[in-house]
Amino acid sequence: MPRALARYLGRASSNAAVYTVWLLTHSNRNRSSEEKCTMSSSRPSNKLDRFPNPQPARDYAIHMEIPEFTCLCPLTGQPDFAVFELDYIPNDWCVELKALKMYMWSYRDQGAFHEAVTNQILDALVELLAPRYMRLTSRWYVRGGIYTTISAEHRKRGWKAPTPVDLGTLRSEPVRPFSH
């Protein structure tokens, strides 16, 4: 690092951001473009991953909201945007979140009908996880004045949902971050 930059960084702790930018730009100078691409941890991937269910003896629900799904209309090539909701009761496996995020991102440049992509994603998750129950719902933003919602389900053969316990009416609603 040049001495002038070192003196500048020594004056104020807020200058650390400048050093970070300098370090990143200069540390990549001698790397090939292939090495630079593999350094990025945030790249779309069509590979899902899983981890062992920490409580396989218990039925419990996992709910995920995926608010930034994008694919292309296969007819016009224009982007379609959706919010996906994934609800499942795991059996032996749970989906790894970063892999799911990268997988969902991999559809960004693919043409897909809403119904097809919702079922395709559900099939991939069911194949990977073999859950007791899974529902994938996609809520598509308006296109041509029409909102579309697709909901697809999977139930493991022989699995029956437990009878829910009625705890009465809740007195307060849970706080949802970023709900405004």
Protein backbone atom coordinates (compact mmCIF):
# COMPACT_ATOMS: atom_id res chain seq x y z
CA MET A 1 0.00 0.00 0.00
CA PRO A 2 1.36 3.47 -0.86
CA ARG A 3 2.50 5.59 2.12
CA ALA A 4 0.13 8.43 1.22
CA LEU A 5 -2.82 6.04 1.42
CA ALA A 6 -1.57 4.67 4.75
CA ARG A 7 -1.31 8.23 6.18
CA TYR A 8 -4.80 9.04 4.87
CA LEU A 9 -6.24 5.93 6.49
CA GLY A 10 -4.55 6.77 9.76
CA ARG A 11 -6.42 10.10 10.04
CA ALA A 12 -9.94 8.75 10.45
CA SER A 13 -11.53 5.41 11.04
CA SER A 14 -14.19 6.24 8.41
CA ASN A 15 -11.45 5.96 5.83
CA ALA A 16 -11.45 2.20 6.32
CA ALA A 17 -13.99 1.91 3.49
CA VAL A 18 -11.52 3.60 1.14
CA TYR A 19 -8.88 1.07 2.14
CA THR A 20 -11.30 -1.80 1.56
CA VAL A 21 -12.04 -0.57 -1.96
CA TRP A 22 -8.32 -0.04 -2.63
CA LEU A 23 -7.51 -3.52 -1.33
CA LEU A 24 -10.20 -5.19 -3.41
CA THR A 25 -9.24 -3.44 -6.63
CA HIS A 26 -5.52 -4.01 -6.17
CA SER A 27 -5.73 -7.59 -4.89
CA ASN A 28 -7.55 -8.63 -8.09
CA ARG A 29 -5.01 -7.09 -10.47
CA ASN A 30 -2.94 -10.24 -10.89
CA ARG A 31 -5.85 -12.69 -10.97
CA SER A 32 -7.25 -14.16 -14.15
CA SER A 33 -10.85 -13.37 -15.05
CA GLU A 34 -11.77 -17.00 -14.27
CA GLU A 35 -10.29 -16.68 -10.75
CA LYS A 36 -12.18 -13.42 -10.20
CA CYS A 37 -15.47 -15.08 -11.15
CA THR A 38 -14.96 -18.04 -8.81
CA MET A 39 -14.23 -15.67 -5.91
CA SER A 40 -17.82 -14.41 -5.95
CA SER A 41 -20.02 -16.24 -3.46
CA SER A 42 -23.22 -14.72 -4.81
CA ARG A 43 -23.82 -16.34 -8.16
CA PRO A 44 -26.96 -18.07 -9.40
CA SER A 45 -26.84 -21.84 -9.17
CA ASN A 46 -29.28 -24.57 -10.13
CA LYS A 47 -27.94 -26.80 -7.35
CA LEU A 48 -29.99 -27.13 -4.19
CA ASP A 49 -28.47 -28.36 -0.93
CA ARG A 50 -29.83 -29.84 2.30
CA PHE A 51 -28.90 -30.61 5.89
CA PRO A 52 -30.21 -33.24 8.34
CA ASN A 53 -33.48 -32.43 10.11
CA PRO A 54 -32.53 -31.69 13.74
CA GLN A 55 -35.90 -33.09 15.02
CA PRO A 56 -36.97 -35.90 12.64
CA ALA A 57 -39.29 -37.49 15.22
CA ARG A 58 -41.48 -34.36 15.40
CA ASP A 59 -43.89 -32.85 12.90
CA TYR A 60 -43.13 -29.15 12.73
CA ALA A 61 -43.74 -26.58 10.04
CA ILE A 62 -41.15 -24.48 8.25
CA HIS A 63 -42.38 -21.35 6.45
CA MET A 64 -40.25 -19.31 4.06
CA GLU A 65 -41.08 -16.25 2.01
CA ILE A 66 -39.04 -15.60 -1.10
CA PRO A 67 -40.02 -12.07 -2.19
CA GLU A 68 -37.65 -11.41 -5.08
CA PHE A 69 -38.29 -14.15 -7.64
CA THR A 70 -37.82 -13.17 -11.26
CA CYS A 71 -38.05 -15.07 -14.53
CA LEU A 72 -38.84 -14.13 -18.11
CA CYS A 73 -42.12 -14.48 -19.95
CA PRO A 74 -41.44 -17.19 -22.56
CA LEU A 75 -43.62 -15.38 -25.10
CA THR A 76 -42.51 -11.75 -24.76
CA GLY A 77 -39.13 -12.04 -23.01
CA GLN A 78 -40.28 -9.44 -20.47
CA PRO A 79 -39.52 -10.00 -16.77
CA ASP A 80 -42.13 -11.53 -14.49
CA PHE A 81 -41.91 -10.96 -10.73
CA ALA A 82 -43.33 -13.12 -7.96
CA VAL A 83 -43.32 -13.76 -4.25
CA PHE A 84 -42.96 -17.44 -3.39
CA GLU A 85 -44.11 -18.96 -0.11
CA LEU A 86 -42.73 -22.34 0.86
CA ASP A 87 -44.37 -24.31 3.67
CA TYR A 88 -43.19 -27.79 4.55
CA ILE A 89 -42.99 -30.42 7.23
CA PRO A 90 -39.55 -32.00 6.93
CA ASN A 91 -38.88 -35.70 7.15
CA ASP A 92 -35.13 -36.39 7.20
CA TRP A 93 -33.87 -33.25 5.48
CA CYS A 94 -34.22 -29.45 5.51
CA VAL A 95 -33.32 -27.12 2.63
CA GLU A 96 -30.19 -25.01 3.03
CA LEU A 97 -31.19 -21.35 2.71
CA LYS A 98 -28.29 -19.89 0.74
CA ALA A 99 -28.50 -22.70 -1.82
CA LEU A 100 -32.26 -22.08 -2.10
CA LYS A 101 -31.63 -18.36 -2.66
CA MET A 102 -29.06 -19.05 -5.39
CA TYR A 103 -31.38 -21.66 -6.95
CA MET A 104 -34.29 -19.24 -7.09
CA TRP A 105 -31.97 -16.61 -8.56
CA SER A 106 -30.97 -19.04 -11.35
CA TYR A 107 -34.40 -18.56 -12.97
CA ARG A 108 -33.76 -14.85 -13.53
CA ASP A 109 -32.80 -15.24 -17.20
CA GLN A 110 -34.99 -18.25 -18.03
CA GLY A 111 -38.28 -18.13 -19.86
CA ALA A 112 -41.00 -19.93 -17.90
CA PHE A 113 -44.77 -20.00 -17.59
CA HIS A 114 -45.96 -19.29 -14.04
CA GLU A 115 -47.63 -22.70 -13.65
CA ALA A 116 -44.63 -24.59 -15.02
CA VAL A 117 -41.97 -22.86 -12.93
CA THR A 118 -43.98 -23.24 -9.69
CA ASN A 119 -44.38 -26.99 -10.24
CA GLN A 120 -40.78 -27.39 -11.43
CA ILE A 121 -39.42 -25.80 -8.25
CA LEU A 122 -41.74 -27.90 -6.07
CA ASP A 123 -40.62 -31.08 -7.86
CA ALA A 124 -36.94 -30.20 -7.35
CA LEU A 125 -37.47 -29.54 -3.63
CA VAL A 126 -39.51 -32.73 -3.14
CA GLU A 127 -36.84 -34.77 -4.94
CA LEU A 128 -34.10 -33.30 -2.74
CA LEU A 129 -35.87 -33.34 0.63
CA ALA A 130 -38.60 -36.04 0.43
CA PRO A 131 -40.66 -34.05 2.98
CA ARG A 132 -43.75 -35.31 4.78
CA TYR A 133 -45.67 -32.38 3.32
CA MET A 134 -44.79 -29.41 1.13
CA ARG A 135 -46.75 -26.55 -0.43
CA LEU A 136 -45.27 -23.97 -2.76
CA THR A 137 -47.34 -20.90 -3.57
CA SER A 138 -46.32 -18.27 -6.10
CA ARG A 139 -48.03 -14.89 -6.18
CA TRP A 140 -47.26 -13.12 -9.44
CA TYR A 141 -47.34 -9.37 -9.83
CA VAL A 142 -49.85 -7.90 -12.23
CA ARG A 143 -49.32 -8.59 -15.91
CA GLY A 144 -51.87 -7.30 -18.40
CA GLY A 145 -54.23 -6.39 -15.56
CA ILE A 146 -54.21 -9.95 -14.13
CA TYR A 147 -52.71 -11.19 -10.87
CA THR A 148 -51.90 -14.90 -10.85
CA THR A 149 -51.48 -17.20 -7.85
CA ILE A 150 -50.35 -20.81 -8.21
CA SER A 151 -50.32 -23.29 -5.32
CA ALA A 152 -48.91 -26.80 -5.67
CA GLU A 153 -48.68 -29.48 -2.95
CA HIS A 154 -46.93 -32.74 -2.17
CA ARG A 155 -47.84 -35.25 0.55
CA LYS A 156 -45.66 -38.19 1.48
CA ARG A 157 -47.55 -41.45 0.94
CA GLY A 158 -49.05 -42.61 4.21
CA TRP A 159 -48.42 -39.35 6.10
CA LYS A 160 -51.42 -37.84 7.84
CA ALA A 161 -51.44 -34.35 9.22
CA PRO A 162 -51.72 -34.26 13.01
CA THR A 163 -54.89 -32.83 14.54
CA PRO A 164 -54.17 -29.20 15.39
CA VAL A 165 -54.51 -28.09 19.01
CA ASP A 166 -56.90 -25.17 19.49
CA LEU A 167 -55.26 -22.66 21.83
CA GLY A 168 -58.08 -20.13 21.57
CA THR A 169 -57.84 -16.67 20.13
CA LEU A 170 -54.52 -14.92 20.34
CA ARG A 171 -54.66 -11.49 21.93
CA SER A 172 -51.88 -9.86 19.98
CA GLU A 173 -50.40 -10.27 16.55
CA PRO A 174 -46.71 -11.05 16.14
CA VAL A 175 -44.45 -8.28 14.96
CA ARG A 176 -43.35 -8.84 11.37
CA PRO A 177 -40.14 -7.06 10.43
CA PHE A 178 -40.33 -4.91 7.31
CA SER A 179 -44.12 -5.16 7.14
CA HIS A 180 -44.62 -1.48 6.40
